[in-house]
Amino acid sequence: MRRGKIDHDGLFKTLIGTFLMPFLHAFVPELAGLIDPTSIKLLDKELIHASGGKMRQQVDLLVSCQTHGSEHILLIHIETQSSARPDFPARMFAYYAALVTRYGDIIFPIALLSYHTPRIPAKHEYVIDIAGKRVLQFDFTAVQLNEFTWQKLAESQNELAMALMATLDIPQEEREEVALRFYRFLSGIAPQRNLTEIDVLTGFFEQYLQLTAREQEQVMGRLTPEEKERVMLPLSSVGKENYRRGVREGRQEGRQEGQLEGRQAGWLEGELRVLARQLKQRFPSLSAEVLSRFERLNAEQMERLSLDLFDFTSPADVSAWLNSL
């Protein structure tokens, strides 16, 4: 399910630029084994077109690095492509030629192809034959995502591959399972990663999968309290709003069907523990007296807290919320 226009280039550049080594380990492991990760540097991506120097063009991602035990520079050029184009191999060669002209270093070209169709293997070479003579043969590495299943990407336990699951053509009935696998993985790595990295992964995944409010609530409901606590803080604004909407709709249906009591009571008890820990983590200066007031909330007030929590920006907001009850 896709809604609205997605900035494919921007999202992929940010994801791969943040997780270059996981990208290489997942899709070009032979190259990953050669690279010294401490030597990686992002380079200026602008190329001056040969036509009078008036037209300017950018490659998607250009990285400078060194191989283990060597001082020689290796450039890695990564180009992302969200639609199948017959002229793409020629464009990859044009980029290669321009990069060689500008930098003169050894270049390893990679194309990441994210389109759903066609599923036939993409061409990964540009060849020119004249009068029975091969005058040019240019090869590049093509990573074609529609050759993978989401289950295969999930098996890798690679953070970049997990985010890329959302770009695949996922059957409707499997969307919640894909999201659950991603959020559980995210909850496992969140304590060891900085917030920027988690934001990049979450933002990319949610832009492509775009769960409905109901799907978001169903997925969050299947997480343990500890998993939910680690996931909810980095959840994107879209994901948070979907979760809020799903909670509102689910609670309303539960009341209409007369099934709220019992089934929701246990959920609310666990939710209270999660939200209390989140508040303490976000606002360490909250006093024990303030925190103890949350333990006296009834079910209706707990519902309101689960929706309003994301709007708190300071301990004063927390106190004002409690005083408004």
C-alpha atoms as a PDB file:
ATOM      1  CA  MET A   1       0.000   0.000   0.000  1.00  0.00           C
ATOM      2  CA  ARG A   2       1.560   3.286  -1.112  1.00  0.00           C
ATOM      3  CA  ARG A   3       0.151   6.711  -0.352  1.00  0.00           C
ATOM      4  CA  GLY A   4       1.342   9.952  -1.859  1.00  0.00           C
ATOM      5  CA  LYS A   5       4.629  10.632  -3.602  1.00  0.00           C
ATOM      6  CA  ILE A   6       7.713   9.091  -2.042  1.00  0.00           C
ATOM      7  CA  ASP A   7      11.162  10.660  -2.364  1.00  0.00           C
ATOM      8  CA  HIS A   8      12.838   7.399  -3.367  1.00  0.00           C
ATOM      9  CA  ASP A   9      16.251   8.927  -4.086  1.00  0.00           C
ATOM     10  CA  GLY A  10      16.409  10.868  -0.842  1.00  0.00           C
ATOM     11  CA  LEU A  11      15.276   7.957   1.323  1.00  0.00           C
ATOM     12  CA  PHE A  12      17.662   5.454  -0.239  1.00  0.00           C
ATOM     13  CA  LYS A  13      20.628   7.853  -0.159  1.00  0.00           C
ATOM     14  CA  THR A  14      20.088   8.543   3.536  1.00  0.00           C
ATOM     15  CA  LEU A  15      19.626   4.873   4.402  1.00  0.00           C
ATOM     16  CA  ILE A  16      22.676   3.614   2.506  1.00  0.00           C
ATOM     17  CA  GLY A  17      24.816   6.597   3.525  1.00  0.00           C
ATOM     18  CA  THR A  18      24.055   5.846   7.174  1.00  0.00           C
ATOM     19  CA  PHE A  19      24.443   2.073   6.871  1.00  0.00           C
ATOM     20  CA  LEU A  20      27.051   1.610   4.131  1.00  0.00           C
ATOM     21  CA  MET A  21      28.859  -1.343   5.699  1.00  0.00           C
ATOM     22  CA  PRO A  22      25.620  -3.242   6.469  1.00  0.00           C
ATOM     23  CA  PHE A  23      24.601  -2.613   2.836  1.00  0.00           C
ATOM     24  CA  LEU A  24      27.851  -4.082   1.549  1.00  0.00           C
ATOM     25  CA  HIS A  25      27.758  -7.015   3.987  1.00  0.00           C
ATOM     26  CA  ALA A  26      24.210  -7.836   2.839  1.00  0.00           C
ATOM     27  CA  PHE A  27      24.660  -7.547  -0.914  1.00  0.00           C
ATOM     28  CA  VAL A  28      28.380  -7.333  -1.830  1.00  0.00           C
ATOM     29  CA  PRO A  29      30.077  -9.296   0.977  1.00  0.00           C
ATOM     30  CA  GLU A  30      33.286  -9.864  -1.001  1.00  0.00           C
ATOM     31  CA  LEU A  31      33.815  -6.104  -1.219  1.00  0.00           C
ATOM     32  CA  ALA A  32      32.812  -5.540   2.408  1.00  0.00           C
ATOM     33  CA  GLY A  33      35.561  -7.902   3.539  1.00  0.00           C
ATOM     34  CA  LEU A  34      38.215  -5.812   1.795  1.00  0.00           C
ATOM     35  CA  ILE A  35      37.267  -2.407   3.195  1.00  0.00           C
ATOM     36  CA  ASP A  36      38.669  -0.684   6.271  1.00  0.00           C
ATOM     37  CA  PRO A  37      35.493   0.826   7.821  1.00  0.00           C
ATOM     38  CA  THR A  38      37.488   3.558   9.581  1.00  0.00           C
ATOM     39  CA  SER A  39      38.627   4.958   6.224  1.00  0.00           C
ATOM     40  CA  ILE A  40      35.132   5.601   4.776  1.00  0.00           C
ATOM     41  CA  LYS A  41      34.390   9.174   3.657  1.00  0.00           C
ATOM     42  CA  LEU A  42      31.432  10.561   1.707  1.00  0.00           C
ATOM     43  CA  LEU A  43      32.543  12.616  -1.290  1.00  0.00           C
ATOM     44  CA  ASP A  44      31.100  15.482  -3.315  1.00  0.00           C
ATOM     45  CA  LYS A  45      28.560  13.886  -5.654  1.00  0.00           C
ATOM     46  CA  GLU A  46      28.369  16.659  -8.238  1.00  0.00           C
ATOM     47  CA  LEU A  47      29.689  15.985 -11.719  1.00  0.00           C
ATOM     48  CA  ILE A  48      30.103  18.617 -14.438  1.00  0.00           C
ATOM     49  CA  HIS A  49      28.521  17.432 -17.672  1.00  0.00           C
ATOM     50  CA  ALA A  50      30.846  17.349 -20.678  1.00  0.00           C
ATOM     51  CA  SER A  51      28.547  19.604 -22.690  1.00  0.00           C
ATOM     52  CA  GLY A  52      30.242  22.964 -22.230  1.00  0.00           C
ATOM     53  CA  GLY A  53      30.296  22.592 -18.445  1.00  0.00           C
ATOM     54  CA  LYS A  54      26.827  24.127 -18.252  1.00  0.00           C
ATOM     55  CA  MET A  55      24.775  21.111 -17.196  1.00  0.00           C
ATOM     56  CA  ARG A  56      25.297  19.635 -13.762  1.00  0.00           C
ATOM     57  CA  GLN A  57      24.409  16.155 -12.623  1.00  0.00           C
ATOM     58  CA  GLN A  58      24.832  14.232  -9.376  1.00  0.00           C
ATOM     59  CA  VAL A  59      25.516  10.610  -8.645  1.00  0.00           C
ATOM     60  CA  ASP A  60      23.454   9.207  -5.781  1.00  0.00           C
ATOM     61  CA  LEU A  61      26.247   8.157  -3.455  1.00  0.00           C
ATOM     62  CA  LEU A  62      30.017   8.323  -3.752  1.00  0.00           C
ATOM     63  CA  VAL A  63      32.290   6.954  -1.048  1.00  0.00           C
ATOM     64  CA  SER A  64      36.047   7.008  -0.648  1.00  0.00           C
ATOM     65  CA  CYS A  65      37.708   4.222   1.316  1.00  0.00           C
ATOM     66  CA  GLN A  66      40.814   2.105   1.626  1.00  0.00           C
ATOM     67  CA  THR A  67      41.252  -1.633   1.629  1.00  0.00           C
ATOM     68  CA  HIS A  68      42.848  -3.384   4.599  1.00  0.00           C
ATOM     69  CA  GLY A  69      46.617  -3.001   4.590  1.00  0.00           C
ATOM     70  CA  SER A  70      46.680  -0.636   1.617  1.00  0.00           C
ATOM     71  CA  GLU A  71      46.980   3.105   1.158  1.00  0.00           C
ATOM     72  CA  HIS A  72      45.364   3.035  -2.280  1.00  0.00           C
ATOM     73  CA  ILE A  73      42.009   4.826  -2.551  1.00  0.00           C
ATOM     74  CA  LEU A  74      38.933   2.925  -3.702  1.00  0.00           C
ATOM     75  CA  LEU A  75      35.789   4.793  -4.726  1.00  0.00           C
ATOM     76  CA  ILE A  76      32.401   3.114  -4.391  1.00  0.00           C
ATOM     77  CA  HIS A  77      29.653   4.583  -6.553  1.00  0.00           C
ATOM     78  CA  ILE A  78      26.111   3.525  -5.613  1.00  0.00           C
ATOM     79  CA  GLU A  79      23.195   4.480  -7.831  1.00  0.00           C
ATOM     80  CA  THR A  80      19.582   3.785  -6.850  1.00  0.00           C
ATOM     81  CA  GLN A  81      16.880   3.198  -9.443  1.00  0.00           C
ATOM     82  CA  SER A  82      13.148   2.919  -8.676  1.00  0.00           C
ATOM     83  CA  SER A  83      11.984   2.180 -12.253  1.00  0.00           C
ATOM     84  CA  ALA A  84      13.236  -0.144 -14.988  1.00  0.00           C
ATOM     85  CA  ARG A  85      14.909   1.823 -17.783  1.00  0.00           C
ATOM     86  CA  PRO A  86      16.603   0.334 -20.867  1.00  0.00           C
ATOM     87  CA  ASP A  87      19.207   3.117 -20.914  1.00  0.00           C
ATOM     88  CA  PHE A  88      20.293   2.570 -17.310  1.00  0.00           C
ATOM     89  CA  PRO A  89      23.476   0.547 -18.125  1.00  0.00           C
ATOM     90  CA  ALA A  90      24.600   3.333 -20.477  1.00  0.00           C
ATOM     91  CA  ARG A  91      23.968   5.894 -17.724  1.00  0.00           C
ATOM     92  CA  MET A  92      26.027   3.851 -15.274  1.00  0.00           C
ATOM     93  CA  PHE A  93      28.904   3.859 -17.777  1.00  0.00           C
ATOM     94  CA  ALA A  94      28.560   7.623 -18.281  1.00  0.00           C
ATOM     95  CA  TYR A  95      28.830   8.105 -14.522  1.00  0.00           C
ATOM     96  CA  TYR A  96      31.835   5.799 -14.398  1.00  0.00           C
ATOM     97  CA  ALA A  97      33.632   7.662 -17.161  1.00  0.00           C
ATOM     98  CA  ALA A  98      32.944  11.027 -15.526  1.00  0.00           C
ATOM     99  CA  LEU A  99      34.156   9.787 -12.141  1.00  0.00           C
ATOM    100  CA  VAL A 100      37.364   8.373 -13.623  1.00  0.00           C
ATOM    101  CA  THR A 101      37.955  11.685 -15.409  1.00  0.00           C
ATOM    102  CA  ARG A 102      37.433  13.661 -12.207  1.00  0.00           C
ATOM    103  CA  TYR A 103      39.095  11.435  -9.604  1.00  0.00           C
ATOM    104  CA  GLY A 104      41.303   9.001 -11.502  1.00  0.00           C
ATOM    105  CA  ASP A 105      40.933   6.363  -8.778  1.00  0.00           C
ATOM    106  CA  ILE A 106      39.755   2.764  -8.897  1.00  0.00           C
ATOM    107  CA  ILE A 107      35.935   2.742  -8.884  1.00  0.00           C
ATOM    108  CA  PHE A 108      33.528  -0.021  -7.894  1.00  0.00           C
ATOM    109  CA  PRO A 109      30.045   0.719  -9.348  1.00  0.00           C
ATOM    110  CA  ILE A 110      26.882  -0.664  -7.746  1.00  0.00           C
ATOM    111  CA  ALA A 111      23.235  -0.239  -8.768  1.00  0.00           C
ATOM    112  CA  LEU A 112      20.411  -0.801  -6.283  1.00  0.00           C
ATOM    113  CA  LEU A 113      17.212  -1.559  -8.221  1.00  0.00           C
ATOM    114  CA  SER A 114      14.047  -1.193  -6.123  1.00  0.00           C
ATOM    115  CA  TYR A 115      11.254  -1.513  -8.719  1.00  0.00           C
ATOM    116  CA  HIS A 116       8.674  -4.320  -8.414  1.00  0.00           C
ATOM    117  CA  THR A 117       8.423  -5.167 -12.112  1.00  0.00           C
ATOM    118  CA  PRO A 118       9.744  -6.577 -14.365  1.00  0.00           C
ATOM    119  CA  ARG A 119      11.136  -9.501 -12.404  1.00  0.00           C
ATOM    120  CA  ILE A 120      13.520 -10.649 -15.125  1.00  0.00           C
ATOM    121  CA  PRO A 121      17.202 -10.229 -14.234  1.00  0.00           C
ATOM    122  CA  ALA A 122      18.367  -6.704 -15.004  1.00  0.00           C
ATOM    123  CA  LYS A 123      21.235  -6.040 -17.384  1.00  0.00           C
ATOM    124  CA  HIS A 124      24.419  -5.205 -15.540  1.00  0.00           C
ATOM    125  CA  GLU A 125      26.749  -4.460 -18.421  1.00  0.00           C
ATOM    126  CA  TYR A 126      27.163  -1.924 -21.197  1.00  0.00           C
ATOM    127  CA  VAL A 127      28.730  -3.328 -24.355  1.00  0.00           C
ATOM    128  CA  ILE A 128      29.666  -1.769 -27.691  1.00  0.00           C
ATOM    129  CA  ASP A 129      30.583  -4.022 -30.649  1.00  0.00           C
ATOM    130  CA  ILE A 130      31.688  -2.571 -33.978  1.00  0.00           C
ATOM    131  CA  ALA A 131      32.543  -4.596 -37.069  1.00  0.00           C
ATOM    132  CA  GLY A 132      32.926  -7.777 -35.048  1.00  0.00           C
ATOM    133  CA  LYS A 133      35.212  -6.045 -32.567  1.00  0.00           C
ATOM    134  CA  ARG A 134      34.239  -5.492 -28.936  1.00  0.00           C
ATOM    135  CA  VAL A 135      35.421  -1.955 -28.285  1.00  0.00           C
ATOM    136  CA  LEU A 136      33.842  -1.583 -24.844  1.00  0.00           C
ATOM    137  CA  GLN A 137      32.641  -3.875 -22.070  1.00  0.00           C
ATOM    138  CA  PHE A 138      31.610  -2.225 -18.813  1.00  0.00           C
ATOM    139  CA  ASP A 139      30.222  -4.315 -15.938  1.00  0.00           C
ATOM    140  CA  PHE A 140      28.668  -3.192 -12.667  1.00  0.00           C
ATOM    141  CA  THR A 141      27.095  -4.952  -9.692  1.00  0.00           C
ATOM    142  CA  ALA A 142      23.283  -4.892  -9.793  1.00  0.00           C
ATOM    143  CA  VAL A 143      21.349  -5.523  -6.573  1.00  0.00           C
ATOM    144  CA  GLN A 144      17.801  -6.288  -7.720  1.00  0.00           C
ATOM    145  CA  LEU A 145      15.486  -6.217  -4.715  1.00  0.00           C
ATOM    146  CA  ASN A 146      12.560  -7.952  -6.428  1.00  0.00           C
ATOM    147  CA  GLU A 147      14.714 -11.090  -6.535  1.00  0.00           C
ATOM    148  CA  PHE A 148      14.432 -11.281  -2.732  1.00  0.00           C
ATOM    149  CA  THR A 149      11.537 -12.219  -0.471  1.00  0.00           C
ATOM    150  CA  TRP A 150      10.946 -10.336   2.756  1.00  0.00           C
ATOM    151  CA  GLN A 151      11.585 -13.584   4.622  1.00  0.00           C
ATOM    152  CA  LYS A 152      15.047 -13.834   3.053  1.00  0.00           C
ATOM    153  CA  LEU A 153      15.897 -10.269   4.051  1.00  0.00           C
ATOM    154  CA  ALA A 154      14.586 -10.879   7.568  1.00  0.00           C
ATOM    155  CA  GLU A 155      16.781 -13.972   7.959  1.00  0.00           C
ATOM    156  CA  SER A 156      19.881 -11.825   7.489  1.00  0.00           C
ATOM    157  CA  GLN A 157      19.281  -9.897  10.742  1.00  0.00           C
ATOM    158  CA  ASN A 158      20.980  -7.010   8.954  1.00  0.00           C
ATOM    159  CA  GLU A 159      19.587  -3.584   9.892  1.00  0.00           C
ATOM    160  CA  LEU A 160      19.602  -2.209   6.357  1.00  0.00           C
ATOM    161  CA  ALA A 161      18.091  -5.374   4.890  1.00  0.00           C
ATOM    162  CA  MET A 162      15.364  -5.302   7.554  1.00  0.00           C
ATOM    163  CA  ALA A 163      14.400  -1.760   6.532  1.00  0.00           C
ATOM    164  CA  LEU A 164      14.422  -2.734   2.844  1.00  0.00           C
ATOM    165  CA  MET A 165      11.721  -5.371   3.492  1.00  0.00           C
ATOM    166  CA  ALA A 166       9.181  -2.545   3.315  1.00  0.00           C
ATOM    167  CA  THR A 167      10.053  -1.776  -0.322  1.00  0.00           C
ATOM    168  CA  LEU A 168       9.038  -5.228  -1.559  1.00  0.00           C
ATOM    169  CA  ASP A 169       5.685  -6.180  -3.068  1.00  0.00           C
ATOM    170  CA  ILE A 170       4.257  -7.636   0.145  1.00  0.00           C
ATOM    171  CA  PRO A 171       0.883  -9.463   0.110  1.00  0.00           C
ATOM    172  CA  GLN A 172      -1.784  -7.675   2.132  1.00  0.00           C
ATOM    173  CA  GLU A 173      -2.137 -10.543   4.592  1.00  0.00           C
ATOM    174  CA  GLU A 174       1.607 -10.487   5.400  1.00  0.00           C
ATOM    175  CA  ARG A 175       2.026  -6.762   6.069  1.00  0.00           C
ATOM    176  CA  GLU A 176       1.483  -6.992   9.822  1.00  0.00           C
ATOM    177  CA  GLU A 177       3.937  -9.887  10.126  1.00  0.00           C
ATOM    178  CA  VAL A 178       6.596  -7.909   8.242  1.00  0.00           C
ATOM    179  CA  ALA A 179       6.090  -4.920  10.533  1.00  0.00           C
ATOM    180  CA  LEU A 180       6.211  -7.129  13.626  1.00  0.00           C
ATOM    181  CA  ARG A 181       9.512  -8.669  12.525  1.00  0.00           C
ATOM    182  CA  PHE A 182      10.959  -5.208  11.881  1.00  0.00           C
ATOM    183  CA  TYR A 183       9.853  -3.648  15.181  1.00  0.00           C
ATOM    184  CA  ARG A 184      11.046  -6.640  17.201  1.00  0.00           C
ATOM    185  CA  PHE A 185      14.417  -6.418  15.480  1.00  0.00           C
ATOM    186  CA  LEU A 186      14.468  -2.663  16.113  1.00  0.00           C
ATOM    187  CA  SER A 187      13.724  -3.133  19.809  1.00  0.00           C
ATOM    188  CA  GLY A 188      16.694  -5.488  20.043  1.00  0.00           C
ATOM    189  CA  ILE A 189      19.250  -3.110  18.520  1.00  0.00           C
ATOM    190  CA  ALA A 190      17.866   0.199  19.861  1.00  0.00           C
ATOM    191  CA  PRO A 191      19.855   0.172  23.137  1.00  0.00           C
ATOM    192  CA  GLN A 192      23.149  -0.116  21.204  1.00  0.00           C
ATOM    193  CA  ARG A 193      22.399   2.466  18.498  1.00  0.00           C
ATOM    194  CA  ASN A 194      22.142   6.230  18.498  1.00  0.00           C
ATOM    195  CA  LEU A 195      18.790   7.890  17.942  1.00  0.00           C
ATOM    196  CA  THR A 196      19.754   9.201  14.480  1.00  0.00           C
ATOM    197  CA  GLU A 197      20.381   5.670  13.195  1.00  0.00           C
ATOM    198  CA  ILE A 198      17.114   4.412  14.658  1.00  0.00           C
ATOM    199  CA  ASP A 199      15.261   7.385  13.167  1.00  0.00           C
ATOM    200  CA  VAL A 200      16.690   6.631   9.706  1.00  0.00           C
ATOM    201  CA  LEU A 201      15.639   2.973   9.877  1.00  0.00           C
ATOM    202  CA  THR A 202      12.179   3.749  11.240  1.00  0.00           C
ATOM    203  CA  GLY A 203      11.508   6.635   8.860  1.00  0.00           C
ATOM    204  CA  PHE A 204      12.515   4.595   5.811  1.00  0.00           C
ATOM    205  CA  PHE A 205      10.507   1.516   6.808  1.00  0.00           C
ATOM    206  CA  GLU A 206       7.335   3.448   7.618  1.00  0.00           C
ATOM    207  CA  GLN A 207       7.471   5.556   4.453  1.00  0.00           C
ATOM    208  CA  TYR A 208       7.350   2.417   2.325  1.00  0.00           C
ATOM    209  CA  LEU A 209       5.132   0.029   4.273  1.00  0.00           C
ATOM    210  CA  GLN A 210       2.704   2.728   5.504  1.00  0.00           C
ATOM    211  CA  LEU A 211       0.551   0.679   7.872  1.00  0.00           C
ATOM    212  CA  THR A 212      -3.038   1.683   8.417  1.00  0.00           C
ATOM    213  CA  ALA A 213      -4.037   2.837  11.888  1.00  0.00           C
ATOM    214  CA  ARG A 214      -5.628  -0.541  12.584  1.00  0.00           C
ATOM    215  CA  GLU A 215      -2.584  -2.464  11.351  1.00  0.00           C
ATOM    216  CA  GLN A 216      -0.317  -0.297  13.506  1.00  0.00           C
ATOM    217  CA  GLU A 217      -2.399  -1.008  16.601  1.00  0.00           C
ATOM    218  CA  GLN A 218      -2.471  -4.737  15.880  1.00  0.00           C
ATOM    219  CA  VAL A 219       1.313  -4.854  15.522  1.00  0.00           C
ATOM    220  CA  MET A 220       1.956  -2.797  18.671  1.00  0.00           C
ATOM    221  CA  GLY A 221      -0.480  -5.038  20.552  1.00  0.00           C
ATOM    222  CA  ARG A 222       1.647  -8.096  19.722  1.00  0.00           C
ATOM    223  CA  LEU A 223       4.827  -6.601  21.132  1.00  0.00           C
ATOM    224  CA  THR A 224       5.812  -7.276  24.734  1.00  0.00           C
ATOM    225  CA  PRO A 225       5.786  -4.276  27.109  1.00  0.00           C
ATOM    226  CA  GLU A 226       9.600  -4.166  26.991  1.00  0.00           C
ATOM    227  CA  GLU A 227       9.687  -4.312  23.187  1.00  0.00           C
ATOM    228  CA  LYS A 228       7.032  -1.620  22.936  1.00  0.00           C
ATOM    229  CA  GLU A 229       8.920   0.657  25.303  1.00  0.00           C
ATOM    230  CA  ARG A 230      12.049   0.503  23.156  1.00  0.00           C
ATOM    231  CA  VAL A 231      10.105   0.942  19.907  1.00  0.00           C
ATOM    232  CA  MET A 232       7.641   3.704  20.767  1.00  0.00           C
ATOM    233  CA  LEU A 233      10.180   6.461  21.458  1.00  0.00           C
ATOM    234  CA  PRO A 234      11.862   6.301  18.017  1.00  0.00           C
ATOM    235  CA  LEU A 235       8.564   5.604  16.220  1.00  0.00           C
ATOM    236  CA  SER A 236       8.105   8.208  13.489  1.00  0.00           C
ATOM    237  CA  SER A 237       5.415  10.887  13.701  1.00  0.00           C
ATOM    238  CA  VAL A 238       3.394   8.988  11.066  1.00  0.00           C
ATOM    239  CA  GLY A 239       3.657   5.768  13.028  1.00  0.00           C
ATOM    240  CA  LYS A 240       2.690   7.465  16.277  1.00  0.00           C
ATOM    241  CA  GLU A 241      -0.352   9.084  14.722  1.00  0.00           C
ATOM    242  CA  ASN A 242      -1.407   5.767  13.188  1.00  0.00           C
ATOM    243  CA  TYR A 243      -1.012   4.102  16.560  1.00  0.00           C
ATOM    244  CA  ARG A 244      -3.087   6.798  18.258  1.00  0.00           C
ATOM    245  CA  ARG A 245      -5.827   6.470  15.648  1.00  0.00           C
ATOM    246  CA  GLY A 246      -5.798   2.707  15.900  1.00  0.00           C
ATOM    247  CA  VAL A 247      -6.112   2.835  19.679  1.00  0.00           C
ATOM    248  CA  ARG A 248      -9.059   5.227  19.440  1.00  0.00           C
ATOM    249  CA  GLU A 249     -10.820   3.107  16.824  1.00  0.00           C
ATOM    250  CA  GLY A 250     -10.092  -0.161  18.597  1.00  0.00           C
ATOM    251  CA  ARG A 251     -11.337   1.104  21.944  1.00  0.00           C
ATOM    252  CA  GLN A 252     -14.513   2.447  20.356  1.00  0.00           C
ATOM    253  CA  GLU A 253     -15.229  -0.883  18.674  1.00  0.00           C
ATOM    254  CA  GLY A 254     -14.513  -2.718  21.907  1.00  0.00           C
ATOM    255  CA  ARG A 255     -17.081  -0.653  23.767  1.00  0.00           C
ATOM    256  CA  GLN A 256     -19.650  -1.084  21.022  1.00  0.00           C
ATOM    257  CA  GLU A 257     -19.186  -4.830  21.123  1.00  0.00           C
ATOM    258  CA  GLY A 258     -19.193  -4.902  24.926  1.00  0.00           C
ATOM    259  CA  GLN A 259     -15.798  -6.625  25.015  1.00  0.00           C
ATOM    260  CA  LEU A 260     -13.562  -3.938  26.517  1.00  0.00           C
ATOM    261  CA  GLU A 261     -13.475  -5.326  30.037  1.00  0.00           C
ATOM    262  CA  GLY A 262     -11.176  -8.246  30.670  1.00  0.00           C
ATOM    263  CA  ARG A 263      -9.485  -8.296  27.269  1.00  0.00           C
ATOM    264  CA  GLN A 264      -8.387  -4.658  27.536  1.00  0.00           C
ATOM    265  CA  ALA A 265      -7.813  -4.626  31.294  1.00  0.00           C
ATOM    266  CA  GLY A 266      -4.667  -6.721  31.094  1.00  0.00           C
ATOM    267  CA  TRP A 267      -3.413  -4.636  28.185  1.00  0.00           C
ATOM    268  CA  LEU A 268      -3.922  -1.414  30.183  1.00  0.00           C
ATOM    269  CA  GLU A 269      -2.009  -2.784  33.143  1.00  0.00           C
ATOM    270  CA  GLY A 270       0.988  -3.575  30.982  1.00  0.00           C
ATOM    271  CA  GLU A 271       0.589  -0.289  29.149  1.00  0.00           C
ATOM    272  CA  LEU A 272       0.834   1.621  32.431  1.00  0.00           C
ATOM    273  CA  ARG A 273       4.208   0.062  33.181  1.00  0.00           C
ATOM    274  CA  VAL A 274       5.472   0.846  29.693  1.00  0.00           C
ATOM    275  CA  LEU A 275       4.303   4.455  29.717  1.00  0.00           C
ATOM    276  CA  ALA A 276       5.675   5.068  33.209  1.00  0.00           C
ATOM    277  CA  ARG A 277       9.109   3.846  32.109  1.00  0.00           C
ATOM    278  CA  GLN A 278       8.940   5.979  28.981  1.00  0.00           C
ATOM    279  CA  LEU A 279       8.146   9.064  31.045  1.00  0.00           C
ATOM    280  CA  LYS A 280      11.029   8.377  33.398  1.00  0.00           C
ATOM    281  CA  GLN A 281      13.395   7.857  30.464  1.00  0.00           C
ATOM    282  CA  ARG A 282      12.326  11.043  28.681  1.00  0.00           C
ATOM    283  CA  PHE A 283      12.131  13.195  31.818  1.00  0.00           C
ATOM    284  CA  PRO A 284      14.592  11.886  34.438  1.00  0.00           C
ATOM    285  CA  SER A 285      13.822  14.854  36.712  1.00  0.00           C
ATOM    286  CA  LEU A 286      10.236  13.703  37.328  1.00  0.00           C
ATOM    287  CA  SER A 287       9.764  13.192  41.044  1.00  0.00           C
ATOM    288  CA  ALA A 288       8.626   9.938  42.624  1.00  0.00           C
ATOM    289  CA  GLU A 289       5.494  11.752  43.793  1.00  0.00           C
ATOM    290  CA  VAL A 290       4.533  12.678  40.229  1.00  0.00           C
ATOM    291  CA  LEU A 291       5.215   9.172  38.948  1.00  0.00           C
ATOM    292  CA  SER A 292       3.156   7.631  41.743  1.00  0.00           C
ATOM    293  CA  ARG A 293       0.129   9.622  40.590  1.00  0.00           C
ATOM    294  CA  PHE A 294       0.047   7.612  37.370  1.00  0.00           C
ATOM    295  CA  GLU A 295      -0.524   4.432  39.352  1.00  0.00           C
ATOM    296  CA  ARG A 296      -3.915   5.782  40.418  1.00  0.00           C
ATOM    297  CA  LEU A 297      -5.188   6.371  36.885  1.00  0.00           C
ATOM    298  CA  ASN A 298      -8.348   4.589  35.857  1.00  0.00           C
ATOM    299  CA  ALA A 299      -8.876   2.892  32.491  1.00  0.00           C
ATOM    300  CA  GLU A 300     -10.345   5.976  30.822  1.00  0.00           C
ATOM    301  CA  GLN A 301      -7.476   8.172  32.007  1.00  0.00           C
ATOM    302  CA  MET A 302      -4.982   5.547  30.839  1.00  0.00           C
ATOM    303  CA  GLU A 303      -6.496   5.660  27.366  1.00  0.00           C
ATOM    304  CA  ARG A 304      -6.114   9.418  27.315  1.00  0.00           C
ATOM    305  CA  LEU A 305      -2.503   9.175  28.510  1.00  0.00           C
ATOM    306  CA  SER A 306      -1.623   6.687  25.755  1.00  0.00           C
ATOM    307  CA  LEU A 307      -2.792   9.261  23.196  1.00  0.00           C
ATOM    308  CA  ASP A 308      -1.374  12.409  24.833  1.00  0.00           C
ATOM    309  CA  LEU A 309       2.043  11.069  25.825  1.00  0.00           C
ATOM    310  CA  PHE A 310       3.690  11.946  22.518  1.00  0.00           C
ATOM    311  CA  ASP A 311       2.807  15.624  22.947  1.00  0.00           C
ATOM    312  CA  PHE A 312       4.737  16.051  26.214  1.00  0.00           C
ATOM    313  CA  THR A 313       7.924  18.077  25.737  1.00  0.00           C
ATOM    314  CA  SER A 314       8.883  18.816  29.360  1.00  0.00           C
ATOM    315  CA  PRO A 315       8.179  17.743  32.961  1.00  0.00           C
ATOM    316  CA  ALA A 316       5.899  20.785  33.215  1.00  0.00           C
ATOM    317  CA  ASP A 317       3.684  19.284  30.487  1.00  0.00           C
ATOM    318  CA  VAL A 318       3.421  16.063  32.490  1.00  0.00           C
ATOM    319  CA  SER A 319       2.396  17.907  35.671  1.00  0.00           C
ATOM    320  CA  ALA A 320      -0.086  20.068  33.769  1.00  0.00           C
ATOM    321  CA  TRP A 321      -1.661  16.949  32.261  1.00  0.00           C
ATOM    322  CA  LEU A 322      -2.069  15.339  35.678  1.00  0.00           C
ATOM    323  CA  ASN A 323      -3.518  18.523  37.132  1.00  0.00           C
ATOM    324  CA  SER A 324      -6.078  18.654  34.343  1.00  0.00           C
ATOM    325  CA  LEU A 325      -7.675  15.374  35.402  1.00  0.00           C
END
